[in-house]
């Protein structure tokens, strides 16, 4: 089991935010770690880093745009006789 400080609340367990309408400070428990201050991982840090690199490579591979080539135009026969 691998533990790491929560990146959402920075290891404090609570999040302090400012309400927009009332401009009052509001504290609530972190939803990511549920106030535990740490996140428990089943995998080792090396395996997590490898999975992260693989996801980034897949995302980079999918980001390469494919050039769209329009189909050839079929010449139409116009009759301009009026």
C-alpha atoms as a PDB file:
ATOM      1  CA  UNK A   1       0.000   0.000   0.000  1.00  0.00           C
ATOM      2  CA  UNK A   2       1.396   3.388  -1.029  1.00  0.00           C
ATOM      3  CA  UNK A   3       0.238   6.648   0.618  1.00  0.00           C
ATOM      4  CA  UNK A   4       0.668  10.175  -0.687  1.00  0.00           C
ATOM      5  CA  UNK A   5      -0.440  13.624   0.532  1.00  0.00           C
ATOM      6  CA  UNK A   6      -3.696  14.778  -1.032  1.00  0.00           C
ATOM      7  CA  UNK A   7      -3.032  17.107  -3.958  1.00  0.00           C
ATOM      8  CA  UNK A   8      -6.483  18.703  -3.769  1.00  0.00           C
ATOM      9  CA  UNK A   9      -6.349  19.985  -0.164  1.00  0.00           C
ATOM     10  CA  UNK A  10      -2.509  19.889   0.112  1.00  0.00           C
ATOM     11  CA  UNK A  11      -2.660  17.541   3.093  1.00  0.00           C
ATOM     12  CA  UNK A  12      -4.856  19.674   5.348  1.00  0.00           C
ATOM     13  CA  UNK A  13      -8.086  17.687   4.974  1.00  0.00           C
ATOM     14  CA  UNK A  14     -10.261  20.787   4.490  1.00  0.00           C
ATOM     15  CA  UNK A  15     -10.728  23.233   1.630  1.00  0.00           C
ATOM     16  CA  UNK A  16     -11.248  26.934   2.310  1.00  0.00           C
ATOM     17  CA  UNK A  17     -13.094  28.789  -0.418  1.00  0.00           C
ATOM     18  CA  UNK A  18     -14.758  32.154  -0.874  1.00  0.00           C
ATOM     19  CA  UNK A  19     -18.465  32.173  -1.686  1.00  0.00           C
ATOM     20  CA  UNK A  20     -19.094  34.429  -4.670  1.00  0.00           C
ATOM     21  CA  UNK A  21     -22.554  35.723  -3.721  1.00  0.00           C
ATOM     22  CA  UNK A  22     -22.004  36.373  -0.006  1.00  0.00           C
ATOM     23  CA  UNK A  23     -18.194  36.865  -0.048  1.00  0.00           C
ATOM     24  CA  UNK A  24     -17.879  34.743   3.085  1.00  0.00           C
ATOM     25  CA  UNK A  25     -15.212  32.151   3.722  1.00  0.00           C
ATOM     26  CA  UNK A  26     -16.426  28.610   3.652  1.00  0.00           C
ATOM     27  CA  UNK A  27     -14.552  25.536   4.829  1.00  0.00           C
ATOM     28  CA  UNK A  28     -15.564  22.049   3.849  1.00  0.00           C
ATOM     29  CA  UNK A  29     -13.967  18.630   3.945  1.00  0.00           C
ATOM     30  CA  UNK A  30     -11.970  17.562   0.911  1.00  0.00           C
ATOM     31  CA  UNK A  31     -13.958  15.332  -1.443  1.00  0.00           C
ATOM     32  CA  UNK A  32     -10.890  13.642  -2.858  1.00  0.00           C
ATOM     33  CA  UNK A  33      -9.485  12.287   0.425  1.00  0.00           C
ATOM     34  CA  UNK A  34     -12.649  12.670   2.590  1.00  0.00           C
ATOM     35  CA  UNK A  35     -10.680  14.561   5.253  1.00  0.00           C
ATOM     36  CA  UNK A  36      -8.063  11.816   5.704  1.00  0.00           C
ATOM     37  CA  UNK A  37      -5.216  14.137   4.484  1.00  0.00           C
ATOM     38  CA  UNK A  38      -3.643  11.270   2.490  1.00  0.00           C
ATOM     39  CA  UNK A  39      -4.628   9.167  -0.504  1.00  0.00           C
ATOM     40  CA  UNK A  40      -3.963   5.427  -0.429  1.00  0.00           C
ATOM     41  CA  UNK A  41      -2.836   3.738  -3.637  1.00  0.00           C
ATOM     42  CA  UNK A  42      -2.754  -0.001  -4.251  1.00  0.00           C
ATOM     43  CA  UNK A  43      -0.009   0.262  -6.884  1.00  0.00           C
ATOM     44  CA  UNK A  44       3.624   1.199  -6.385  1.00  0.00           C
ATOM     45  CA  UNK A  45       4.804   4.717  -7.340  1.00  0.00           C
ATOM     46  CA  UNK A  46       6.873   3.281 -10.223  1.00  0.00           C
ATOM     47  CA  UNK A  47       3.819   1.583 -11.703  1.00  0.00           C
ATOM     48  CA  UNK A  48       1.743   4.763 -11.337  1.00  0.00           C
ATOM     49  CA  UNK A  49       4.451   6.780 -13.130  1.00  0.00           C
ATOM     50  CA  UNK A  50       4.605   4.226 -15.956  1.00  0.00           C
ATOM     51  CA  UNK A  51       0.813   4.302 -16.394  1.00  0.00           C
ATOM     52  CA  UNK A  52       0.904   8.110 -16.449  1.00  0.00           C
ATOM     53  CA  UNK A  53       3.576   8.077 -19.194  1.00  0.00           C
ATOM     54  CA  UNK A  54       1.539   5.576 -21.235  1.00  0.00           C
ATOM     55  CA  UNK A  55      -1.609   7.729 -20.960  1.00  0.00           C
ATOM     56  CA  UNK A  56       0.359  10.815 -22.043  1.00  0.00           C
ATOM     57  CA  UNK A  57       1.783   8.939 -25.037  1.00  0.00           C
ATOM     58  CA  UNK A  58      -1.702   7.771 -26.055  1.00  0.00           C
ATOM     59  CA  UNK A  59      -3.055  11.299 -25.716  1.00  0.00           C
ATOM     60  CA  UNK A  60      -0.167  12.677 -27.778  1.00  0.00           C
ATOM     61  CA  UNK A  61      -0.680  10.029 -30.437  1.00  0.00           C
ATOM     62  CA  UNK A  62      -4.390  10.850 -30.669  1.00  0.00           C
ATOM     63  CA  UNK A  63      -3.684  14.592 -30.889  1.00  0.00           C
ATOM     64  CA  UNK A  64      -1.982  14.324 -34.298  1.00  0.00           C
ATOM     65  CA  UNK A  65      -4.575  15.581 -36.782  1.00  0.00           C
ATOM     66  CA  UNK A  66      -5.339  13.640 -39.925  1.00  0.00           C
ATOM     67  CA  UNK A  67      -5.265  15.733 -43.081  1.00  0.00           C
ATOM     68  CA  UNK A  68      -8.645  15.680 -44.750  1.00  0.00           C
ATOM     69  CA  UNK A  69      -8.424  15.448 -48.515  1.00  0.00           C
ATOM     70  CA  UNK A  70     -11.565  16.562 -50.326  1.00  0.00           C
ATOM     71  CA  UNK A  71     -12.894  14.142 -52.916  1.00  0.00           C
ATOM     72  CA  UNK A  72     -12.306  14.924 -56.557  1.00  0.00           C
ATOM     73  CA  UNK A  73     -14.990  17.046 -58.141  1.00  0.00           C
ATOM     74  CA  UNK A  74     -17.094  15.381 -60.774  1.00  0.00           C
ATOM     75  CA  UNK A  75     -17.302  17.709 -63.775  1.00  0.00           C
ATOM     76  CA  UNK A  76     -20.896  18.570 -64.499  1.00  0.00           C
ATOM     77  CA  UNK A  77     -22.105  19.110 -68.017  1.00  0.00           C
ATOM     78  CA  UNK A  78     -23.775  22.478 -68.323  1.00  0.00           C
ATOM     79  CA  UNK A  79     -26.008  23.429 -71.169  1.00  0.00           C
ATOM     80  CA  UNK A  80     -25.675  27.187 -71.651  1.00  0.00           C
ATOM     81  CA  UNK A  81     -27.965  27.408 -74.660  1.00  0.00           C
ATOM     82  CA  UNK A  82     -30.766  29.764 -73.870  1.00  0.00           C
END
